Amino acid sequence: MAAQSSNADSSPSNPRIIVQKNPSVSQLSELGIKSWPKWGCSPGKYQLKFDAQETCYLLRGKVTVYPKNSDDSEAVEFGAGDLVILPKGLSCTWDVTVAVDKHYQFESSSSSS
């Protein structure tokens, strides 16, 4: 399995979502998460496109993300206590089953495309 993951970078049509379960308090503090803006939403389905990489930390909630043009086996689940990196260029559907409350930060990009 691990051998195939080396090709992930060369496939821009399928950017990968990275989920880190239960990051340490020191890591969260180092990232300065408490100073990041907050965002929340109620349960439902949302069509989203990420024009910049987003890192977020879920204070509460449960989400299943379905990347566009993929099958259900590629769905990614995350929830309260997870640190998630959503790649730039990702088009997806968020299926929020438990209302979300999160801190988030977009990667600052000085170059425009």
PDB file of N, CA and C in Angstrom:
ATOM      1  N   MET A   1       0.811  -1.200   0.000  1.00  0.00           N
ATOM      2  CA  MET A   1       0.000   0.000   0.000  1.00  0.00           C
ATOM      3  C   MET A   1       0.854   1.265   0.000  1.00  0.00           C
ATOM      4  N   ALA A   2       1.866   1.308   0.838  1.00  0.00           N
ATOM      5  CA  ALA A   2       2.664   2.522   0.988  1.00  0.00           C
ATOM      6  C   ALA A   2       3.376   2.902  -0.309  1.00  0.00           C
ATOM      7  N   ALA A   3       3.721   1.909  -1.126  1.00  0.00           N
ATOM      8  CA  ALA A   3       4.436   2.207  -2.364  1.00  0.00           C
ATOM      9  C   ALA A   3       3.610   3.068  -3.303  1.00  0.00           C
ATOM     10  N   GLN A   4       2.298   2.870  -3.318  1.00  0.00           N
ATOM     11  CA  GLN A   4       1.448   3.637  -4.205  1.00  0.00           C
ATOM     12  C   GLN A   4       1.308   5.094  -3.758  1.00  0.00           C
ATOM     13  N   SER A   5       1.435   5.354  -2.461  1.00  0.00           N
ATOM     14  CA  SER A   5       1.231   6.709  -1.966  1.00  0.00           C
ATOM     15  C   SER A   5       2.290   7.680  -2.488  1.00  0.00           C
ATOM     16  N   SER A   6       3.433   7.164  -2.961  1.00  0.00           N
ATOM     17  CA  SER A   6       4.464   8.057  -3.492  1.00  0.00           C
ATOM     18  C   SER A   6       3.997   8.755  -4.765  1.00  0.00           C
ATOM     19  N   ASN A   7       2.979   8.202  -5.432  1.00  0.00           N
ATOM     20  CA  ASN A   7       2.452   8.819  -6.651  1.00  0.00           C
ATOM     21  C   ASN A   7       1.393   9.872  -6.366  1.00  0.00           C
ATOM     22  N   ALA A   8       1.008  10.053  -5.112  1.00  0.00           N
ATOM     23  CA  ALA A   8      -0.084  10.965  -4.765  1.00  0.00           C
ATOM     24  C   ALA A   8       0.208  12.387  -5.240  1.00  0.00           C
ATOM     25  N   ASP A   9       1.464  12.811  -5.149  1.00  0.00           N
ATOM     26  CA  ASP A   9       1.817  14.180  -5.535  1.00  0.00           C
ATOM     27  C   ASP A   9       1.647  14.417  -7.030  1.00  0.00           C
ATOM     28  N   SER A  10       1.798  13.378  -7.818  1.00  0.00           N
ATOM     29  CA  SER A  10       1.765  13.549  -9.266  1.00  0.00           C
ATOM     30  C   SER A  10       0.356  13.470  -9.834  1.00  0.00           C
ATOM     31  N   SER A  11      -0.650  13.408  -8.960  1.00  0.00           N
ATOM     32  CA  SER A  11      -2.026  13.306  -9.423  1.00  0.00           C
ATOM     33  C   SER A  11      -2.848  14.496  -8.946  1.00  0.00           C
ATOM     34  N   PRO A  12      -2.727  15.644  -9.636  1.00  0.00           N
ATOM     35  CA  PRO A  12      -3.426  16.840  -9.179  1.00  0.00           C
ATOM     36  C   PRO A  12      -4.940  16.714  -9.246  1.00  0.00           C
ATOM     37  N   SER A  13      -5.458  15.773 -10.028  1.00  0.00           N
ATOM     38  CA  SER A  13      -6.905  15.614 -10.142  1.00  0.00           C
ATOM     39  C   SER A  13      -7.490  14.958  -8.890  1.00  0.00           C
ATOM     40  N   ASN A  14      -6.635  14.389  -8.046  1.00  0.00           N
ATOM     41  CA  ASN A  14      -7.123  13.725  -6.845  1.00  0.00           C
ATOM     42  C   ASN A  14      -6.264  14.115  -5.640  1.00  0.00           C
ATOM     43  N   PRO A  15      -6.374  15.376  -5.204  1.00  0.00           N
ATOM     44  CA  PRO A  15      -5.564  15.798  -4.055  1.00  0.00           C
ATOM     45  C   PRO A  15      -6.005  15.058  -2.793  1.00  0.00           C
ATOM     46  N   ARG A  16      -5.062  14.801  -1.922  1.00  0.00           N
ATOM     47  CA  ARG A  16      -5.345  13.999  -0.728  1.00  0.00           C
ATOM     48  C   ARG A  16      -5.702  14.850   0.474  1.00  0.00           C
ATOM     49  N   ILE A  17      -6.689  14.379   1.225  1.00  0.00           N
ATOM     50  CA  ILE A  17      -7.065  14.988   2.501  1.00  0.00           C
ATOM     51  C   ILE A  17      -6.264  14.266   3.577  1.00  0.00           C
ATOM     52  N   ILE A  18      -5.632  15.031   4.463  1.00  0.00           N
ATOM     53  CA  ILE A  18      -4.821  14.435   5.526  1.00  0.00           C
ATOM     54  C   ILE A  18      -5.537  14.667   6.852  1.00  0.00           C
ATOM     55  N   VAL A  19      -5.763  13.593   7.592  1.00  0.00           N
ATOM     56  CA  VAL A  19      -6.432  13.686   8.891  1.00  0.00           C
ATOM     57  C   VAL A  19      -5.479  13.183   9.962  1.00  0.00           C
ATOM     58  N   GLN A  20      -5.219  14.039  10.960  1.00  0.00           N
ATOM     59  CA  GLN A  20      -4.400  13.627  12.096  1.00  0.00           C
ATOM     60  C   GLN A  20      -5.322  13.536  13.312  1.00  0.00           C
ATOM     61  N   LYS A  21      -5.473  12.326  13.823  1.00  0.00           N
ATOM     62  CA  LYS A  21      -6.353  12.093  14.972  1.00  0.00           C
ATOM     63  C   LYS A  21      -5.662  12.545  16.256  1.00  0.00           C
ATOM     64  N   ASN A  22      -6.393  13.301  17.068  1.00  0.00           N
ATOM     65  CA  ASN A  22      -5.927  13.700  18.396  1.00  0.00           C
ATOM     66  C   ASN A  22      -4.498  14.232  18.447  1.00  0.00           C
ATOM     67  N   PRO A  23      -4.229  15.363  17.754  1.00  0.00           N
ATOM     68  CA  PRO A  23      -2.893  15.956  17.853  1.00  0.00           C
ATOM     69  C   PRO A  23      -2.619  16.398  19.292  1.00  0.00           C
ATOM     70  N   SER A  24      -1.342  16.478  19.651  1.00  0.00           N
ATOM     71  CA  SER A  24      -0.983  16.831  21.024  1.00  0.00           C
ATOM     72  C   SER A  24      -1.296  18.299  21.312  1.00  0.00           C
ATOM     73  N   VAL A  25      -1.495  18.601  22.586  1.00  0.00           N
ATOM     74  CA  VAL A  25      -1.759  19.977  23.014  1.00  0.00           C
ATOM     75  C   VAL A  25      -0.595  20.876  22.604  1.00  0.00           C
ATOM     76  N   SER A  26       0.634  20.366  22.720  1.00  0.00           N
ATOM     77  CA  SER A  26       1.799  21.180  22.353  1.00  0.00           C
ATOM     78  C   SER A  26       1.809  21.477  20.858  1.00  0.00           C
ATOM     79  N   GLN A  27       1.397  20.520  20.035  1.00  0.00           N
ATOM     80  CA  GLN A  27       1.342  20.760  18.586  1.00  0.00           C
ATOM     81  C   GLN A  27       0.291  21.816  18.261  1.00  0.00           C
ATOM     82  N   LEU A  28      -0.869  21.713  18.895  1.00  0.00           N
ATOM     83  CA  LEU A  28      -1.934  22.695  18.662  1.00  0.00           C
ATOM     84  C   LEU A  28      -1.479  24.085  19.095  1.00  0.00           C
ATOM     85  N   SER A  29      -0.788  24.139  20.217  1.00  0.00           N
ATOM     86  CA  SER A  29      -0.290  25.411  20.731  1.00  0.00           C
ATOM     87  C   SER A  29       0.758  26.000  19.783  1.00  0.00           C
ATOM     88  N   GLU A  30       1.637  25.139  19.261  1.00  0.00           N
ATOM     89  CA  GLU A  30       2.675  25.563  18.325  1.00  0.00           C
ATOM     90  C   GLU A  30       2.061  26.153  17.050  1.00  0.00           C
ATOM     91  N   LEU A  31       0.964  25.566  16.592  1.00  0.00           N
ATOM     92  CA  LEU A  31       0.280  26.065  15.398  1.00  0.00           C
ATOM     93  C   LEU A  31      -0.500  27.352  15.679  1.00  0.00           C
ATOM     94  N   GLY A  32      -0.754  27.645  16.951  1.00  0.00           N
ATOM     95  CA  GLY A  32      -1.506  28.844  17.308  1.00  0.00           C
ATOM     96  C   GLY A  32      -2.983  28.732  16.980  1.00  0.00           C
ATOM     97  N   ILE A  33      -3.515  27.529  17.086  1.00  0.00           N
ATOM     98  CA  ILE A  33      -4.887  27.262  16.650  1.00  0.00           C
ATOM     99  C   ILE A  33      -5.917  28.150  17.334  1.00  0.00           C
ATOM    100  N   LYS A  34      -5.713  28.457  18.624  1.00  0.00           N
ATOM    101  CA  LYS A  34      -6.717  29.256  19.337  1.00  0.00           C
ATOM    102  C   LYS A  34      -6.845  30.670  18.776  1.00  0.00           C
ATOM    103  N   SER A  35      -5.839  31.128  18.040  1.00  0.00           N
ATOM    104  CA  SER A  35      -5.908  32.478  17.446  1.00  0.00           C
ATOM    105  C   SER A  35      -6.510  32.457  16.038  1.00  0.00           C
ATOM    106  N   TRP A  36      -6.756  31.264  15.493  1.00  0.00           N
ATOM    107  CA  TRP A  36      -7.336  31.150  14.155  1.00  0.00           C
ATOM    108  C   TRP A  36      -8.810  31.521  14.207  1.00  0.00           C
ATOM    109  N   PRO A  37      -9.371  31.982  13.078  1.00  0.00           N
ATOM    110  CA  PRO A  37     -10.808  32.255  13.037  1.00  0.00           C
ATOM    111  C   PRO A  37     -11.607  30.970  13.253  1.00  0.00           C
ATOM    112  N   LYS A  38     -12.873  31.142  13.641  1.00  0.00           N
ATOM    113  CA  LYS A  38     -13.754  29.989  13.830  1.00  0.00           C
ATOM    114  C   LYS A  38     -14.838  29.990  12.765  1.00  0.00           C
ATOM    115  N   TRP A  39     -15.318  28.790  12.467  1.00  0.00           N
ATOM    116  CA  TRP A  39     -16.399  28.620  11.501  1.00  0.00           C
ATOM    117  C   TRP A  39     -17.243  27.449  11.962  1.00  0.00           C
ATOM    118  N   GLY A  40     -18.515  27.524  11.703  1.00  0.00           N
ATOM    119  CA  GLY A  40     -19.386  26.426  12.069  1.00  0.00           C
ATOM    120  C   GLY A  40     -20.498  26.264  11.054  1.00  0.00           C
ATOM    121  N   CYS A  41     -21.123  25.098  11.060  1.00  0.00           N
ATOM    122  CA  CYS A  41     -22.274  24.862  10.191  1.00  0.00           C
ATOM    123  C   CYS A  41     -23.148  23.799  10.826  1.00  0.00           C
ATOM    124  N   SER A  42     -24.409  23.806  10.426  1.00  0.00           N
ATOM    125  CA  SER A  42     -25.352  22.814  10.925  1.00  0.00           C
ATOM    126  C   SER A  42     -25.305  21.574  10.032  1.00  0.00           C
ATOM    127  N   PRO A  43     -25.904  20.487  10.490  1.00  0.00           N
ATOM    128  CA  PRO A  43     -25.906  19.277   9.664  1.00  0.00           C
ATOM    129  C   PRO A  43     -26.526  19.535   8.293  1.00  0.00           C
ATOM    130  N   GLY A  44     -25.985  18.868   7.282  1.00  0.00           N
ATOM    131  CA  GLY A  44     -26.477  19.006   5.916  1.00  0.00           C
ATOM    132  C   GLY A  44     -25.386  18.632   4.939  1.00  0.00           C
ATOM    133  N   LYS A  45     -25.673  18.821   3.654  1.00  0.00           N
ATOM    134  CA  LYS A  45     -24.682  18.535   2.608  1.00  0.00           C
ATOM    135  C   LYS A  45     -24.283  19.839   1.950  1.00  0.00           C
ATOM    136  N   TYR A  46     -22.986  20.030   1.795  1.00  0.00           N
ATOM    137  CA  TYR A  46     -22.435  21.277   1.268  1.00  0.00           C
ATOM    138  C   TYR A  46     -21.456  20.972   0.140  1.00  0.00           C
ATOM    139  N   GLN A  47     -21.601  21.683  -0.981  1.00  0.00           N
ATOM    140  CA  GLN A  47     -20.655  21.574  -2.100  1.00  0.00           C
ATOM    141  C   GLN A  47     -19.558  22.614  -1.852  1.00  0.00           C
ATOM    142  N   LEU A  48     -18.316  22.181  -1.747  1.00  0.00           N
ATOM    143  CA  LEU A  48     -17.216  23.096  -1.449  1.00  0.00           C
ATOM    144  C   LEU A  48     -16.077  22.918  -2.445  1.00  0.00           C
ATOM    145  N   LYS A  49     -15.384  24.037  -2.711  1.00  0.00           N
ATOM    146  CA  LYS A  49     -14.161  24.003  -3.524  1.00  0.00           C
ATOM    147  C   LYS A  49     -13.120  24.812  -2.787  1.00  0.00           C
ATOM    148  N   PHE A  50     -11.946  24.246  -2.614  1.00  0.00           N
ATOM    149  CA  PHE A  50     -10.872  24.897  -1.876  1.00  0.00           C
ATOM    150  C   PHE A  50      -9.887  25.528  -2.846  1.00  0.00           C
ATOM    151  N   ASP A  51      -9.861  26.875  -2.866  1.00  0.00           N
ATOM    152  CA  ASP A  51      -8.940  27.606  -3.748  1.00  0.00           C
ATOM    153  C   ASP A  51      -7.575  27.775  -3.098  1.00  0.00           C
ATOM    154  N   ALA A  52      -7.482  27.437  -1.829  1.00  0.00           N
ATOM    155  CA  ALA A  52      -6.207  27.460  -1.106  1.00  0.00           C
ATOM    156  C   ALA A  52      -6.234  26.288  -0.135  1.00  0.00           C
ATOM    157  N   GLN A  53      -5.059  25.834   0.271  1.00  0.00           N
ATOM    158  CA  GLN A  53      -5.006  24.757   1.254  1.00  0.00           C
ATOM    159  C   GLN A  53      -5.558  25.262   2.579  1.00  0.00           C
ATOM    160  N   GLU A  54      -6.414  24.479   3.202  1.00  0.00           N
ATOM    161  CA  GLU A  54      -6.954  24.839   4.517  1.00  0.00           C
ATOM    162  C   GLU A  54      -6.517  23.813   5.540  1.00  0.00           C
ATOM    163  N   THR A  55      -6.061  24.307   6.691  1.00  0.00           N
ATOM    164  CA  THR A  55      -5.806  23.453   7.844  1.00  0.00           C
ATOM    165  C   THR A  55      -6.874  23.804   8.859  1.00  0.00           C
ATOM    166  N   CYS A  56      -7.541  22.805   9.395  1.00  0.00           N
ATOM    167  CA  CYS A  56      -8.578  23.093  10.384  1.00  0.00           C
ATOM    168  C   CYS A  56      -8.505  22.089  11.527  1.00  0.00           C
ATOM    169  N   TYR A  57      -9.011  22.544  12.676  1.00  0.00           N
ATOM    170  CA  TYR A  57      -9.069  21.708  13.871  1.00  0.00           C
ATOM    171  C   TYR A  57     -10.514  21.707  14.346  1.00  0.00           C
ATOM    172  N   LEU A  58     -11.129  20.536  14.376  1.00  0.00           N
ATOM    173  CA  LEU A  58     -12.534  20.453  14.749  1.00  0.00           C
ATOM    174  C   LEU A  58     -12.705  20.387  16.263  1.00  0.00           C
ATOM    175  N   LEU A  59     -13.421  21.387  16.787  1.00  0.00           N
ATOM    176  CA  LEU A  59     -13.756  21.409  18.202  1.00  0.00           C
ATOM    177  C   LEU A  59     -14.917  20.454  18.460  1.00  0.00           C
ATOM    178  N   ARG A  60     -15.833  20.396  17.488  1.00  0.00           N
ATOM    179  CA  ARG A  60     -16.936  19.437  17.563  1.00  0.00           C
ATOM    180  C   ARG A  60     -17.448  19.191  16.160  1.00  0.00           C
ATOM    181  N   GLY A  61     -18.208  18.109  16.037  1.00  0.00           N
ATOM    182  CA  GLY A  61     -18.806  17.803  14.748  1.00  0.00           C
ATOM    183  C   GLY A  61     -18.355  16.474  14.198  1.00  0.00           C
ATOM    184  N   LYS A  62     -19.004  16.098  13.095  1.00  0.00           N
ATOM    185  CA  LYS A  62     -18.634  14.874  12.374  1.00  0.00           C
ATOM    186  C   LYS A  62     -18.950  15.100  10.907  1.00  0.00           C
ATOM    187  N   VAL A  63     -17.956  14.831  10.059  1.00  0.00           N
ATOM    188  CA  VAL A  63     -18.062  15.111   8.629  1.00  0.00           C
ATOM    189  C   VAL A  63     -17.558  13.914   7.830  1.00  0.00           C
ATOM    190  N   THR A  64     -18.242  13.626   6.732  1.00  0.00           N
ATOM    191  CA  THR A  64     -17.711  12.707   5.730  1.00  0.00           C
ATOM    192  C   THR A  64     -17.547  13.530   4.460  1.00  0.00           C
ATOM    193  N   VAL A  65     -16.333  13.555   3.924  1.00  0.00           N
ATOM    194  CA  VAL A  65     -16.042  14.322   2.714  1.00  0.00           C
ATOM    195  C   VAL A  65     -15.963  13.362   1.531  1.00  0.00           C
ATOM    196  N   TYR A  66     -16.716  13.704   0.481  1.00  0.00           N
ATOM    197  CA  TYR A  66     -16.717  12.916  -0.751  1.00  0.00           C
ATOM    198  C   TYR A  66     -16.059  13.749  -1.843  1.00  0.00           C
ATOM    199  N   PRO A  67     -14.792  13.453  -2.187  1.00  0.00           N
ATOM    200  CA  PRO A  67     -14.143  14.201  -3.273  1.00  0.00           C
ATOM    201  C   PRO A  67     -14.923  14.036  -4.574  1.00  0.00           C
ATOM    202  N   LYS A  68     -14.999  15.114  -5.347  1.00  0.00           N
ATOM    203  CA  LYS A  68     -15.713  15.090  -6.625  1.00  0.00           C
ATOM    204  C   LYS A  68     -15.049  14.076  -7.556  1.00  0.00           C
ATOM    205  N   ASN A  69     -15.860  13.440  -8.375  1.00  0.00           N
ATOM    206  CA  ASN A  69     -15.379  12.451  -9.357  1.00  0.00           C
ATOM    207  C   ASN A  69     -14.663  11.268  -8.708  1.00  0.00           C
ATOM    208  N   SER A  70     -15.085  10.897  -7.508  1.00  0.00           N
ATOM    209  CA  SER A  70     -14.504   9.708  -6.881  1.00  0.00           C
ATOM    210  C   SER A  70     -15.657   8.831  -6.390  1.00  0.00           C
ATOM    211  N   ASP A  71     -15.341   7.585  -6.078  1.00  0.00           N
ATOM    212  CA  ASP A  71     -16.402   6.727  -5.567  1.00  0.00           C
ATOM    213  C   ASP A  71     -16.415   6.797  -4.036  1.00  0.00           C
ATOM    214  N   ASP A  72     -17.414   6.168  -3.444  1.00  0.00           N
ATOM    215  CA  ASP A  72     -17.583   6.258  -1.995  1.00  0.00           C
ATOM    216  C   ASP A  72     -16.407   5.684  -1.209  1.00  0.00           C
ATOM    217  N   SER A  73     -15.610   4.820  -1.826  1.00  0.00           N
ATOM    218  CA  SER A  73     -14.472   4.233  -1.119  1.00  0.00           C
ATOM    219  C   SER A  73     -13.394   5.276  -0.823  1.00  0.00           C
ATOM    220  N   GLU A  74     -13.436   6.408  -1.531  1.00  0.00           N
ATOM    221  CA  GLU A  74     -12.447   7.466  -1.304  1.00  0.00           C
ATOM    222  C   GLU A  74     -12.934   8.515  -0.313  1.00  0.00           C
ATOM    223  N   ALA A  75     -14.118   8.310   0.260  1.00  0.00           N
ATOM    224  CA  ALA A  75     -14.649   9.245   1.247  1.00  0.00           C
ATOM    225  C   ALA A  75     -13.727   9.283   2.465  1.00  0.00           C
ATOM    226  N   VAL A  76     -13.625  10.458   3.077  1.00  0.00           N
ATOM    227  CA  VAL A  76     -12.775  10.647   4.249  1.00  0.00           C
ATOM    228  C   VAL A  76     -13.649  11.147   5.391  1.00  0.00           C
ATOM    229  N   GLU A  77     -13.551  10.489   6.550  1.00  0.00           N
ATOM    230  CA  GLU A  77     -14.322  10.894   7.720  1.00  0.00           C
ATOM    231  C   GLU A  77     -13.409  11.540   8.740  1.00  0.00           C
ATOM    232  N   PHE A  78     -13.923  12.593   9.392  1.00  0.00           N
ATOM    233  CA  PHE A  78     -13.211  13.191  10.511  1.00  0.00           C
ATOM    234  C   PHE A  78     -14.212  13.868  11.425  1.00  0.00           C
ATOM    235  N   GLY A  79     -13.750  14.207  12.624  1.00  0.00           N
ATOM    236  CA  GLY A  79     -14.661  14.798  13.595  1.00  0.00           C
ATOM    237  C   GLY A  79     -13.914  15.504  14.708  1.00  0.00           C
ATOM    238  N   ALA A  80     -14.626  15.729  15.797  1.00  0.00           N
ATOM    239  CA  ALA A  80     -14.091  16.483  16.930  1.00  0.00           C
ATOM    240  C   ALA A  80     -12.725  15.940  17.353  1.00  0.00           C
ATOM    241  N   GLY A  81     -11.781  16.854  17.549  1.00  0.00           N
ATOM    242  CA  GLY A  81     -10.439  16.480  17.980  1.00  0.00           C
ATOM    243  C   GLY A  81      -9.475  16.172  16.852  1.00  0.00           C
ATOM    244  N   ASP A  82      -9.940  16.250  15.599  1.00  0.00           N
ATOM    245  CA  ASP A  82      -9.073  15.947  14.459  1.00  0.00           C
ATOM    246  C   ASP A  82      -8.493  17.221  13.852  1.00  0.00           C
ATOM    247  N   LEU A  83      -7.230  17.138  13.447  1.00  0.00           N
ATOM    248  CA  LEU A  83      -6.555  18.189  12.694  1.00  0.00           C
ATOM    249  C   LEU A  83      -6.559  17.727  11.241  1.00  0.00           C
ATOM    250  N   VAL A  84      -7.108  18.556  10.353  1.00  0.00           N
ATOM    251  CA  VAL A  84      -7.343  18.132   8.977  1.00  0.00           C
ATOM    252  C   VAL A  84      -6.702  19.120   8.009  1.00  0.00           C
ATOM    253  N   ILE A  85      -6.036  18.607   6.980  1.00  0.00           N
ATOM    254  CA  ILE A  85      -5.491  19.438   5.910  1.00  0.00           C
ATOM    255  C   ILE A  85      -6.265  19.123   4.643  1.00  0.00           C
ATOM    256  N   LEU A  86      -6.934  20.154   4.129  1.00  0.00           N
ATOM    257  CA  LEU A  86      -7.727  20.030   2.904  1.00  0.00           C
ATOM    258  C   LEU A  86      -6.924  20.685   1.790  1.00  0.00           C
ATOM    259  N   PRO A  87      -6.529  19.928   0.775  1.00  0.00           N
ATOM    260  CA  PRO A  87      -5.607  20.444  -0.243  1.00  0.00           C
ATOM    261  C   PRO A  87      -6.235  21.474  -1.178  1.00  0.00           C
ATOM    262  N   LYS A  88      -5.389  22.370  -1.656  1.00  0.00           N
ATOM    263  CA  LYS A  88      -5.806  23.347  -2.658  1.00  0.00           C
ATOM    264  C   LYS A  88      -6.303  22.604  -3.894  1.00  0.00           C
ATOM    265  N   GLY A  89      -7.407  23.094  -4.459  1.00  0.00           N
ATOM    266  CA  GLY A  89      -7.951  22.487  -5.665  1.00  0.00           C
ATOM    267  C   GLY A  89      -8.984  21.403  -5.404  1.00  0.00           C
ATOM    268  N   LEU A  90      -9.214  21.075  -4.142  1.00  0.00           N
ATOM    269  CA  LEU A  90     -10.177  20.027  -3.808  1.00  0.00           C
ATOM    270  C   LEU A  90     -11.607  20.518  -4.042  1.00  0.00           C
ATOM    271  N   SER A  91     -12.364  19.782  -4.841  1.00  0.00           N
ATOM    272  CA  SER A  91     -13.808  19.985  -4.982  1.00  0.00           C
ATOM    273  C   SER A  91     -14.463  18.784  -4.336  1.00  0.00           C
ATOM    274  N   CYS A  92     -15.438  19.044  -3.455  1.00  0.00           N
ATOM    275  CA  CYS A  92     -15.988  17.931  -2.700  1.00  0.00           C
ATOM    276  C   CYS A  92     -17.373  18.256  -2.163  1.00  0.00           C
ATOM    277  N   THR A  93     -18.002  17.233  -1.619  1.00  0.00           N
ATOM    278  CA  THR A  93     -19.254  17.390  -0.888  1.00  0.00           C
ATOM    279  C   THR A  93     -18.966  17.058   0.562  1.00  0.00           C
ATOM    280  N   TRP A  94     -19.340  17.980   1.456  1.00  0.00           N
ATOM    281  CA  TRP A  94     -19.249  17.722   2.891  1.00  0.00           C
ATOM    282  C   TRP A  94     -20.609  17.227   3.340  1.00  0.00           C
ATOM    283  N   ASP A  95     -20.654  16.028   3.896  1.00  0.00           N
ATOM    284  CA  ASP A  95     -21.867  15.499   4.500  1.00  0.00           C
ATOM    285  C   ASP A  95     -21.682  15.626   6.015  1.00  0.00           C
ATOM    286  N   VAL A  96     -22.275  16.681   6.569  1.00  0.00           N
ATOM    287  CA  VAL A  96     -22.117  16.989   7.992  1.00  0.00           C
ATOM    288  C   VAL A  96     -23.250  16.302   8.750  1.00  0.00           C
ATOM    289  N   THR A  97     -22.898  15.316   9.599  1.00  0.00           N
ATOM    290  CA  THR A  97     -23.912  14.589  10.352  1.00  0.00           C
ATOM    291  C   THR A  97     -24.075  15.136  11.768  1.00  0.00           C
ATOM    292  N   VAL A  98     -23.028  15.773  12.298  1.00  0.00           N
ATOM    293  CA  VAL A  98     -23.092  16.448  13.598  1.00  0.00           C
ATOM    294  C   VAL A  98     -22.553  17.861  13.383  1.00  0.00           C
ATOM    295  N   ALA A  99     -23.301  18.872  13.836  1.00  0.00           N
ATOM    296  CA  ALA A  99     -22.923  20.271  13.607  1.00  0.00           C
ATOM    297  C   ALA A  99     -21.441  20.506  13.883  1.00  0.00           C
ATOM    298  N   VAL A 100     -20.811  21.267  12.993  1.00  0.00           N
ATOM    299  CA  VAL A 100     -19.366  21.517  13.046  1.00  0.00           C
ATOM    300  C   VAL A 100     -19.058  22.862  13.691  1.00  0.00           C
ATOM    301  N   ASP A 101     -18.022  22.861  14.513  1.00  0.00           N
ATOM    302  CA  ASP A 101     -17.433  24.077  15.067  1.00  0.00           C
ATOM    303  C   ASP A 101     -15.931  23.855  14.954  1.00  0.00           C
ATOM    304  N   LYS A 102     -15.261  24.725  14.213  1.00  0.00           N
ATOM    305  CA  LYS A 102     -13.836  24.479  13.960  1.00  0.00           C
ATOM    306  C   LYS A 102     -13.048  25.779  13.918  1.00  0.00           C
ATOM    307  N   HIS A 103     -11.755  25.657  14.188  1.00  0.00           N
ATOM    308  CA  HIS A 103     -10.784  26.720  13.925  1.00  0.00           C
ATOM    309  C   HIS A 103     -10.187  26.382  12.559  1.00  0.00           C
ATOM    310  N   TYR A 104      -9.893  27.406  11.759  1.00  0.00           N
ATOM    311  CA  TYR A 104      -9.331  27.135  10.435  1.00  0.00           C
ATOM    312  C   TYR A 104      -8.324  28.206  10.039  1.00  0.00           C
ATOM    313  N   GLN A 105      -7.468  27.836   9.093  1.00  0.00           N
ATOM    314  CA  GLN A 105      -6.492  28.774   8.542  1.00  0.00           C
ATOM    315  C   GLN A 105      -6.214  28.368   7.102  1.00  0.00           C
ATOM    316  N   PHE A 106      -6.257  29.363   6.209  1.00  0.00           N
ATOM    317  CA  PHE A 106      -5.902  29.105   4.815  1.00  0.00           C
ATOM    318  C   PHE A 106      -4.422  29.393   4.639  1.00  0.00           C
ATOM    319  N   GLU A 107      -3.783  28.576   3.809  1.00  0.00           N
ATOM    320  CA  GLU A 107      -2.369  28.780   3.507  1.00  0.00           C
ATOM    321  C   GLU A 107      -2.254  30.086   2.725  1.00  0.00           C
ATOM    322  N   SER A 108      -1.390  30.969   3.198  1.00  0.00           N
ATOM    323  CA  SER A 108      -1.235  32.230   2.484  1.00  0.00           C
ATOM    324  C   SER A 108      -0.420  31.972   1.233  1.00  0.00           C
ATOM    325  N   SER A 109      -0.920  32.474   0.136  1.00  0.00           N
ATOM    326  CA  SER A 109      -0.262  32.251  -1.145  1.00  0.00           C
ATOM    327  C   SER A 109       0.033  33.596  -1.779  1.00  0.00           C
ATOM    328  N   SER A 110       1.301  33.859  -1.995  1.00  0.00           N
ATOM    329  CA  SER A 110       1.683  35.156  -2.554  1.00  0.00           C
ATOM    330  C   SER A 110       1.638  35.145  -4.074  1.00  0.00           C
ATOM    331  N   SER A 111       1.610  33.955  -4.651  1.00  0.00           N
ATOM    332  CA  SER A 111       1.561  33.887  -6.120  1.00  0.00           C
ATOM    333  C   SER A 111       0.130  33.690  -6.569  1.00  0.00           C
ATOM    334  N   SER A 112      -0.243  34.365  -7.630  1.00  0.00           N
ATOM    335  CA  SER A 112      -1.599  34.187  -8.171  1.00  0.00           C
ATOM    336  C   SER A 112      -1.491  33.376  -9.453  1.00  0.00           C
ATOM    337  N   SER A 113      -2.521  32.567  -9.715  1.00  0.00           N
ATOM    338  CA  SER A 113      -2.446  31.721 -10.900  1.00  0.00           C
ATOM    339  C   SER A 113      -3.413  32.141 -11.955  1.00  0.00           C
TER     340      SER A 113
END
